[in-house]
Amino acid sequence: MAKLWRFLSILVVVAVCLGLVSVAGAPPQVALADGNTSIEVQPDTVTVGLNENFSVDIWANVPSMQSWDSVGAYLNFSPTYLQVVSITDGALPVVLGAEFDNTNGTIDYSAGILGTVTGSLLVCTIHFTSKSTNGVSTIEFVNIAPLRITDIMYAGTKLINWASVVNSTVIVGEPPTIAVSPDNLAFDAIEEGENPPAQMLELCNRESGTVDWSLTENTAWLSETPTSGSLGEDECEDITVSVDVTGMEAGDYSATITITGSGEVQVPVSLHIEPAKLSASSLSILPQQVEPGEEVTISINVANTGGETGSYNAVLYINGVVEDNQTVSLAGGTSKNVIFTVTKSQPGVYDVSLAGQSGQFEVVGGGGWFGDGLSTGGIIAIVVAVIVLVVAIFFILRRTRRET
């Protein structure tokens, strides 16, 4: 029995040694359960200088009992700090070449590689060059289009469970003392609608000692609170970033928040404003003929045919002059009547303009002794006529008395 145990121990030691030898020089592997697959970026972290060339490898790890026919990847990087120069294919020939967009910071390696893949495989090598701005960029697997739910393309006969994705971090130039999260902000709004909700930036001091910081931006539609402060060692502070879309037209806008401490960090900000989907119709003026001082009700129906809440400013004009205005907020798919009430004391015809639609109402004379609807000239004419009539009657009566 002792000999048997000694023999088994020797076998275990030999197996371990062979295992160590077999992985020598291979990339670090991610521990996976049976039937799972992973893809990883190597190295996980790299520091490069300004305007320096460097490369990042994309590896796929497959358990020995599984295989696939092709593999590809969809990745994002920060175009503020990095630019892709080229991509070198991995171990197997590629069906189609990889594409990358240096403006938006995307890499589309959807064509993948062709062939049966098992074990560990170098999918491709991405050749970057850093830009002239200090900062930190990630190279991460993300959803770039619908149906790419796993963020990793797999074209084959088996459904693979992607258990682990390891992303890479690239530090360009001197790493700033102030760490910022997230590294970009995106806002969405509706034309003539409400301002989008504010977002938060977290600033942290990752060095020893106290760091003073200040913040600036390069556009009028952005604002931040606070814009300066001090951070102790390992201390963090939240910055509220707000957007004001008042008077802005539909379209895409971009800006940059610059945070200066012991070094400088730039945070790209994007703003997308959807065209307004609010409309007004069915102008109503009731009644269209009134006495002086009587109320006229003027209304318009405002509808929001979009999916987001928006606001509409209805301005009422009478004879080309602003009479009143109301702002209403409407959820998507709803409508509301905006109602104005006006009174006019002077007789006449009044032109109405509301939300691009027009109409009229008239103020006519009322039931006074001379008629409230008469003009001043008309009243004077009636008075003169009465006086003339009275004088005429006076002279007729006087003449009659003389004759008798």
Protein backbone atom coordinates (compact mmCIF):
# COMPACT_ATOMS: atom_id res chain seq x y z
CA MET A 1 0.00 0.00 0.00
CA ALA A 2 2.84 2.42 0.85
CA LYS A 3 4.40 1.80 -2.57
CA LEU A 4 1.04 2.51 -4.24
CA TRP A 5 0.67 5.86 -2.46
CA ARG A 6 4.28 6.80 -3.34
CA PHE A 7 3.60 5.97 -7.01
CA LEU A 8 0.38 8.07 -7.09
CA SER A 9 2.20 11.03 -5.50
CA ILE A 10 4.89 10.91 -8.19
CA LEU A 11 2.18 10.88 -10.89
CA VAL A 12 0.51 13.99 -9.41
CA VAL A 13 3.82 15.91 -9.30
CA VAL A 14 4.61 14.97 -12.91
CA ALA A 15 1.11 16.05 -14.04
CA VAL A 16 1.47 19.43 -12.35
CA CYS A 17 4.90 20.00 -13.94
CA LEU A 18 3.58 19.08 -17.37
CA GLY A 19 0.67 21.45 -16.88
CA LEU A 20 3.01 24.31 -16.00
CA VAL A 21 5.16 23.62 -19.03
CA SER A 22 2.16 23.43 -21.35
CA VAL A 23 0.98 26.97 -20.47
CA ALA A 24 4.41 28.60 -20.57
CA GLY A 25 4.27 31.63 -22.84
CA ALA A 26 0.49 31.43 -23.23
CA PRO A 27 -1.66 34.44 -22.32
CA PRO A 28 -3.29 34.55 -18.87
CA GLN A 29 -6.45 32.48 -18.92
CA VAL A 30 -9.78 33.20 -17.25
CA ALA A 31 -11.03 30.42 -15.00
CA LEU A 32 -14.19 29.03 -16.61
CA ALA A 33 -16.75 26.43 -15.77
CA ASP A 34 -17.28 23.61 -18.24
CA GLY A 35 -19.08 24.74 -21.36
CA ASN A 36 -18.28 28.45 -20.95
CA THR A 37 -16.18 30.68 -23.15
CA SER A 38 -14.43 34.02 -22.62
CA ILE A 39 -12.74 36.75 -24.59
CA GLU A 40 -10.17 39.12 -23.13
CA VAL A 41 -8.03 42.13 -23.98
CA GLN A 42 -4.31 41.96 -23.19
CA PRO A 43 -2.65 43.71 -21.57
CA ASP A 44 -5.38 44.70 -19.09
CA THR A 45 -3.64 48.02 -18.40
CA VAL A 46 -1.06 49.85 -20.47
CA THR A 47 0.62 53.24 -20.01
CA VAL A 48 1.83 55.07 -23.11
CA GLY A 49 3.26 58.49 -23.83
CA LEU A 50 1.69 61.22 -25.91
CA ASN A 51 1.60 60.49 -29.67
CA GLU A 52 3.01 57.01 -29.10
CA ASN A 53 2.24 53.81 -31.01
CA PHE A 54 1.19 50.69 -29.09
CA SER A 55 -0.76 47.49 -29.66
CA VAL A 56 -3.48 45.57 -27.81
CA ASP A 57 -4.23 41.88 -28.37
CA ILE A 58 -7.71 40.33 -28.40
CA TRP A 59 -7.70 36.71 -27.23
CA ALA A 60 -10.48 34.12 -27.19
CA ASN A 61 -10.48 31.24 -24.72
CA VAL A 62 -12.53 28.11 -25.44
CA PRO A 63 -12.73 24.94 -23.33
CA SER A 64 -11.18 21.97 -25.05
CA MET A 65 -14.50 20.19 -25.31
CA GLN A 66 -16.08 23.00 -27.35
CA SER A 67 -15.40 24.80 -30.60
CA TRP A 68 -16.88 27.47 -32.86
CA ASP A 69 -16.67 28.26 -36.55
CA SER A 70 -15.84 31.97 -36.35
CA VAL A 71 -15.48 34.77 -33.84
CA GLY A 72 -15.56 38.56 -33.99
CA ALA A 73 -15.72 41.48 -31.56
CA TYR A 74 -17.38 44.87 -31.23
CA LEU A 75 -15.43 47.34 -29.10
CA ASN A 76 -15.47 50.98 -28.03
CA PHE A 77 -12.57 53.31 -27.20
CA SER A 78 -12.24 57.02 -26.47
CA PRO A 79 -11.38 59.02 -29.63
CA THR A 80 -10.30 61.87 -27.34
CA TYR A 81 -7.17 59.96 -26.35
CA LEU A 82 -6.73 57.11 -28.88
CA GLN A 83 -6.76 56.52 -32.61
CA VAL A 84 -6.74 53.16 -34.41
CA VAL A 85 -4.07 52.84 -37.08
CA SER A 86 -4.69 49.28 -38.28
CA ILE A 87 -5.74 45.80 -37.20
CA THR A 88 -3.64 42.68 -37.77
CA ASP A 89 -5.54 39.42 -38.13
CA GLY A 90 -4.92 36.59 -35.73
CA ALA A 91 -4.18 32.91 -36.16
CA LEU A 92 -6.72 32.15 -38.90
CA PRO A 93 -7.56 33.96 -42.16
CA VAL A 94 -10.25 36.63 -42.01
CA VAL A 95 -13.30 36.55 -44.27
CA LEU A 96 -13.63 40.37 -44.38
CA GLY A 97 -11.36 43.08 -43.03
CA ALA A 98 -12.10 44.85 -39.76
CA GLU A 99 -13.53 48.36 -39.75
CA PHE A 100 -13.03 51.14 -37.22
CA ASP A 101 -14.42 54.64 -36.77
CA ASN A 102 -11.92 57.01 -35.22
CA THR A 103 -14.55 59.75 -34.91
CA ASN A 104 -17.01 57.81 -32.79
CA GLY A 105 -14.48 55.44 -31.27
CA THR A 106 -15.79 52.06 -32.43
CA ILE A 107 -14.09 48.92 -33.71
CA ASP A 108 -16.16 46.46 -35.77
CA TYR A 109 -14.44 43.10 -36.07
CA SER A 110 -17.73 41.43 -36.99
CA ALA A 111 -16.32 39.43 -39.89
CA GLY A 112 -14.33 37.39 -37.45
CA ILE A 113 -12.08 34.51 -38.36
CA LEU A 114 -13.00 31.42 -40.29
CA GLY A 115 -12.27 27.90 -39.15
CA THR A 116 -12.82 25.59 -36.21
CA VAL A 117 -11.42 27.18 -33.07
CA THR A 118 -10.60 25.42 -29.81
CA GLY A 119 -8.42 26.30 -26.86
CA SER A 120 -6.72 29.70 -26.70
CA LEU A 121 -6.58 31.82 -29.87
CA LEU A 122 -5.21 35.26 -30.80
CA VAL A 123 -8.19 36.79 -32.62
CA CYS A 124 -6.50 40.03 -33.71
CA THR A 125 -4.03 42.76 -32.72
CA ILE A 126 -5.26 46.36 -32.71
CA HIS A 127 -2.58 48.95 -33.45
CA PHE A 128 -3.24 52.30 -31.77
CA THR A 129 -1.55 55.65 -31.55
CA SER A 130 -2.15 57.89 -28.56
CA LYS A 131 -3.10 61.54 -29.04
CA SER A 132 -1.55 64.63 -27.49
CA THR A 133 -3.94 64.84 -24.53
CA ASN A 134 -3.33 63.29 -21.11
CA GLY A 135 -6.13 61.04 -19.97
CA VAL A 136 -7.50 57.53 -19.51
CA SER A 137 -9.41 55.47 -22.07
CA THR A 138 -11.00 52.05 -21.78
CA ILE A 139 -11.24 49.53 -24.60
CA GLU A 140 -14.50 47.81 -23.82
CA PHE A 141 -17.01 45.41 -25.31
CA VAL A 142 -20.37 47.19 -25.77
CA ASN A 143 -23.64 46.99 -27.66
CA ILE A 144 -23.20 48.99 -30.87
CA ALA A 145 -26.24 47.74 -32.78
CA PRO A 146 -29.42 45.73 -32.10
CA LEU A 147 -29.18 41.95 -31.96
CA ARG A 148 -25.56 42.06 -30.73
CA ILE A 149 -26.80 41.19 -27.28
CA THR A 150 -23.68 39.36 -26.11
CA ASP A 151 -21.40 42.14 -27.42
CA ILE A 152 -19.37 39.32 -28.99
CA MET A 153 -20.25 37.98 -32.40
CA TYR A 154 -20.42 34.21 -32.77
CA ALA A 155 -21.26 32.67 -36.14
CA GLY A 156 -21.40 28.91 -35.87
CA THR A 157 -23.51 25.92 -35.09
CA LYS A 158 -23.33 26.11 -31.29
CA LEU A 159 -24.69 28.66 -28.84
CA ILE A 160 -21.84 29.71 -26.55
CA ASN A 161 -22.34 31.24 -23.11
CA TRP A 162 -19.88 34.13 -22.83
CA ALA A 163 -18.96 33.88 -19.18
CA SER A 164 -16.16 36.43 -18.94
CA VAL A 165 -15.11 39.55 -20.81
CA VAL A 166 -11.97 41.37 -19.64
CA ASN A 167 -11.59 44.98 -20.81
CA SER A 168 -8.44 47.04 -21.12
CA THR A 169 -7.43 50.42 -19.67
CA VAL A 170 -5.00 52.73 -21.48
CA ILE A 171 -3.33 55.59 -19.59
CA VAL A 172 -2.11 58.27 -22.01
CA GLY A 173 0.72 60.53 -20.88
CA GLU A 174 1.00 61.47 -17.23
CA PRO A 175 -2.01 60.09 -15.36
CA PRO A 176 -3.99 62.98 -13.87
CA THR A 177 -4.28 63.26 -10.11
CA ILE A 178 -8.03 63.83 -10.42
CA ALA A 179 -9.98 60.75 -11.48
CA VAL A 180 -13.34 61.39 -13.18
CA SER A 181 -16.26 59.01 -13.57
CA PRO A 182 -17.94 58.58 -15.99
CA ASP A 183 -15.53 59.66 -18.70
CA ASN A 184 -18.31 61.10 -20.92
CA LEU A 185 -21.88 62.40 -20.59
CA ALA A 186 -24.81 62.17 -23.02
CA PHE A 187 -28.07 64.14 -22.75
CA ASP A 188 -31.33 63.78 -24.70
CA ALA A 189 -34.07 66.43 -24.97
CA ILE A 190 -37.03 67.46 -27.11
CA GLU A 191 -37.17 70.71 -29.06
CA GLU A 192 -39.18 73.32 -27.14
CA GLY A 193 -39.48 70.75 -24.34
CA GLU A 194 -38.24 70.52 -20.78
CA ASN A 195 -34.57 70.39 -19.88
CA PRO A 196 -33.20 66.84 -19.50
CA PRO A 197 -32.43 65.56 -15.98
CA ALA A 198 -29.10 66.63 -14.53
CA GLN A 199 -26.27 64.09 -14.39
CA MET A 200 -23.43 63.57 -11.94
CA LEU A 201 -19.66 63.54 -12.36
CA GLU A 202 -17.61 62.04 -9.55
CA LEU A 203 -14.18 63.55 -8.94
CA CYS A 204 -11.71 61.61 -6.79
CA ASN A 205 -8.18 62.35 -5.59
CA ARG A 206 -6.17 59.19 -6.13
CA GLU A 207 -2.87 60.65 -4.94
CA SER A 208 -1.57 61.56 -1.49
CA GLY A 209 -2.05 65.07 -0.14
CA THR A 210 -4.66 67.69 -1.00
CA VAL A 211 -5.43 68.67 -4.58
CA ASP A 212 -7.17 71.89 -5.61
CA TRP A 213 -9.32 71.59 -8.72
CA SER A 214 -11.33 73.85 -11.01
CA LEU A 215 -13.77 73.18 -13.81
CA THR A 216 -14.62 74.98 -17.06
CA GLU A 217 -16.72 74.21 -20.14
CA ASN A 218 -16.79 75.60 -23.67
CA THR A 219 -20.51 76.17 -24.27
CA ALA A 220 -23.37 78.24 -22.89
CA TRP A 221 -25.91 75.39 -22.62
CA LEU A 222 -23.87 73.56 -19.97
CA SER A 223 -23.60 74.44 -16.28
CA GLU A 224 -21.94 72.71 -13.31
CA THR A 225 -22.17 72.93 -9.53
CA PRO A 226 -19.67 73.31 -7.91
CA THR A 227 -16.99 74.52 -10.31
CA SER A 228 -13.99 74.36 -7.95
CA GLY A 229 -12.89 72.83 -4.67
CA SER A 230 -10.27 70.79 -2.82
CA LEU A 231 -9.97 67.04 -2.38
CA GLY A 232 -8.01 65.28 0.33
CA GLU A 233 -6.33 61.91 -0.14
CA ASP A 234 -8.82 59.28 -1.39
CA GLU A 235 -11.60 61.89 -1.12
CA CYS A 236 -14.36 62.20 -3.76
CA GLU A 237 -16.92 64.87 -4.65
CA ASP A 238 -20.01 64.84 -6.90
CA ILE A 239 -20.44 67.52 -9.57
CA THR A 240 -23.97 68.24 -10.85
CA VAL A 241 -23.97 68.83 -14.62
CA SER A 242 -27.09 70.50 -16.08
CA VAL A 243 -28.22 71.36 -19.60
CA ASP A 244 -30.45 74.27 -20.66
CA VAL A 245 -32.06 73.71 -24.08
CA THR A 246 -34.14 76.90 -24.06
CA GLY A 247 -34.28 78.34 -27.58
CA MET A 248 -32.16 75.53 -29.06
CA GLU A 249 -33.19 73.87 -32.32
CA ALA A 250 -33.32 70.14 -32.97
CA GLY A 251 -29.94 68.58 -33.74
CA ASP A 252 -26.75 67.18 -32.21
CA TYR A 253 -24.44 69.30 -30.08
CA SER A 254 -21.10 68.60 -28.40
CA ALA A 255 -19.04 70.26 -25.70
CA THR A 256 -16.11 69.54 -23.39
CA ILE A 257 -15.80 69.88 -19.63
CA THR A 258 -12.18 70.49 -18.60
CA ILE A 259 -11.16 69.67 -15.04
CA THR A 260 -7.77 71.00 -13.93
CA GLY A 261 -5.99 69.76 -10.84
CA SER A 262 -2.53 68.23 -10.76
CA GLY A 263 -2.97 67.52 -14.45
CA GLU A 264 -5.97 67.96 -16.72
CA VAL A 265 -8.96 65.75 -17.55
CA GLN A 266 -11.40 66.38 -20.39
CA VAL A 267 -14.93 64.98 -20.32
CA PRO A 268 -16.79 64.98 -23.69
CA VAL A 269 -20.48 65.94 -23.45
CA SER A 270 -23.04 65.24 -26.18
CA LEU A 271 -26.58 66.63 -26.49
CA HIS A 272 -29.23 65.28 -28.85
CA ILE A 273 -32.41 67.33 -29.30
CA GLU A 274 -35.32 65.54 -30.97
CA PRO A 275 -37.63 67.62 -33.19
CA ALA A 276 -40.73 68.77 -31.33
CA LYS A 277 -43.74 66.54 -31.90
CA LEU A 278 -46.33 68.94 -30.51
CA SER A 279 -48.95 70.53 -32.77
CA ALA A 280 -51.97 72.81 -32.39
CA SER A 281 -55.30 72.62 -34.24
CA SER A 282 -59.04 73.35 -34.07
CA LEU A 283 -59.14 77.06 -33.22
CA SER A 284 -62.47 77.96 -31.57
CA ILE A 285 -63.92 81.49 -30.99
CA LEU A 286 -67.24 81.56 -29.10
CA PRO A 287 -69.39 83.56 -29.39
CA GLN A 288 -68.29 85.34 -32.51
CA GLN A 289 -70.52 88.37 -31.81
CA VAL A 290 -70.87 89.97 -28.38
CA GLU A 291 -71.94 93.15 -26.65
CA PRO A 292 -69.26 95.44 -25.22
CA GLY A 293 -67.80 93.96 -22.01
CA GLU A 294 -69.07 90.43 -22.71
CA GLU A 295 -66.61 87.50 -22.61
CA VAL A 296 -65.24 85.76 -25.69
CA THR A 297 -63.76 82.27 -25.22
CA ILE A 298 -60.85 81.46 -27.53
CA SER A 299 -59.35 77.95 -27.43
CA ILE A 300 -56.93 75.73 -29.34
CA ASN A 301 -56.23 71.98 -29.05
CA VAL A 302 -52.56 71.07 -28.46
CA ALA A 303 -51.50 67.43 -29.05
CA ASN A 304 -48.22 65.58 -28.39
CA THR A 305 -47.83 62.74 -30.89
CA GLY A 306 -44.34 61.80 -29.67
CA GLY A 307 -43.29 59.39 -26.96
CA GLU A 308 -41.69 61.88 -24.59
CA THR A 309 -43.15 64.67 -22.46
CA GLY A 310 -42.89 68.09 -24.09
CA SER A 311 -44.12 71.63 -23.49
CA TYR A 312 -45.89 74.09 -25.81
CA ASN A 313 -46.17 77.87 -25.46
CA ALA A 314 -49.46 79.15 -26.92
CA VAL A 315 -49.41 82.92 -27.60
CA LEU A 316 -52.70 84.75 -28.31
CA TYR A 317 -52.61 87.82 -30.58
CA ILE A 318 -55.52 90.29 -30.92
CA ASN A 319 -55.17 92.71 -33.83
CA GLY A 320 -51.48 91.77 -34.07
CA VAL A 321 -50.72 92.56 -30.42
CA VAL A 322 -49.92 89.92 -27.75
CA GLU A 323 -53.02 89.57 -25.59
CA ASP A 324 -52.02 86.59 -23.42
CA ASN A 325 -49.96 83.36 -23.40
CA GLN A 326 -50.02 79.96 -21.72
CA THR A 327 -47.42 77.14 -21.52
CA VAL A 328 -48.71 73.59 -21.22
CA SER A 329 -46.77 70.37 -20.57
CA LEU A 330 -48.04 67.23 -22.28
CA ALA A 331 -47.03 63.60 -21.91
CA GLY A 332 -46.52 61.61 -25.09
CA GLY A 333 -49.76 60.59 -26.79
CA THR A 334 -51.95 63.15 -24.96
CA SER A 335 -53.74 66.37 -25.91
CA LYS A 336 -55.26 69.37 -24.11
CA ASN A 337 -57.43 72.40 -24.88
CA VAL A 338 -55.71 75.71 -24.11
CA ILE A 339 -58.42 78.25 -23.26
CA PHE A 340 -58.26 82.06 -23.19
CA THR A 341 -61.04 84.46 -22.10
CA VAL A 342 -61.04 88.07 -23.38
CA THR A 343 -63.37 91.05 -23.17
CA LYS A 344 -63.47 94.20 -25.29
CA SER A 345 -65.45 97.38 -24.55
CA GLN A 346 -65.05 99.12 -27.89
CA PRO A 347 -67.32 98.03 -30.75
CA GLY A 348 -65.61 96.71 -33.83
CA VAL A 349 -64.15 93.61 -35.52
CA TYR A 350 -61.17 91.97 -33.77
CA ASP A 351 -58.66 89.73 -35.57
CA VAL A 352 -57.48 86.68 -33.61
CA SER A 353 -54.22 84.75 -34.19
CA LEU A 354 -53.30 81.69 -32.11
CA ALA A 355 -50.72 78.96 -32.88
CA GLY A 356 -50.60 79.93 -36.55
CA GLN A 357 -54.38 79.87 -36.95
CA SER A 358 -56.63 82.92 -37.36
CA GLY A 359 -60.22 84.00 -36.87
CA GLN A 360 -62.41 86.97 -35.84
CA PHE A 361 -65.05 88.13 -33.39
CA GLU A 362 -67.15 91.28 -33.40
CA VAL A 363 -68.28 93.63 -30.64
CA VAL A 364 -71.61 95.23 -31.61
CA GLY A 365 -73.82 98.01 -30.07
CA GLY A 366 -75.84 97.22 -26.95
CA GLY A 367 -79.29 98.42 -25.69
CA GLY A 368 -78.55 102.02 -24.53
CA TRP A 369 -80.75 105.11 -25.18
CA PHE A 370 -78.64 105.97 -28.20
CA GLY A 371 -77.29 102.47 -28.67
CA ASP A 372 -73.96 101.47 -27.18
CA GLY A 373 -72.89 100.32 -30.61
CA LEU A 374 -72.85 103.81 -32.07
CA SER A 375 -69.63 105.65 -32.62
CA THR A 376 -68.97 109.08 -31.17
CA GLY A 377 -69.67 110.66 -34.57
CA GLY A 378 -73.00 108.86 -34.82
CA ILE A 379 -74.08 110.05 -31.39
CA ILE A 380 -73.17 113.66 -32.24
CA ALA A 381 -75.15 113.41 -35.47
CA ILE A 382 -78.22 112.17 -33.61
CA VAL A 383 -77.92 114.97 -31.03
CA VAL A 384 -77.64 117.60 -33.77
CA ALA A 385 -80.65 116.13 -35.56
CA VAL A 386 -82.72 116.25 -32.36
CA ILE A 387 -81.71 119.87 -31.74
CA VAL A 388 -82.65 120.84 -35.31
CA LEU A 389 -85.97 119.05 -34.90
CA VAL A 390 -86.70 120.85 -31.63
CA VAL A 391 -85.83 124.24 -33.17
CA ALA A 392 -88.02 123.51 -36.16
CA ILE A 393 -90.96 122.58 -33.95
CA PHE A 394 -90.41 125.74 -31.90
CA PHE A 395 -90.60 127.99 -34.97
CA ILE A 396 -93.64 126.17 -36.35
CA LEU A 397 -95.53 126.59 -33.10
CA ARG A 398 -94.54 130.26 -32.87
CA ARG A 399 -95.73 130.92 -36.41
CA THR A 400 -98.99 129.17 -35.73
CA ARG A 401 -99.66 131.38 -32.71
CA ARG A 402 -99.08 134.57 -34.76
CA GLU A 403 -101.52 133.47 -37.44
CA THR A 404 -104.20 132.83 -34.88
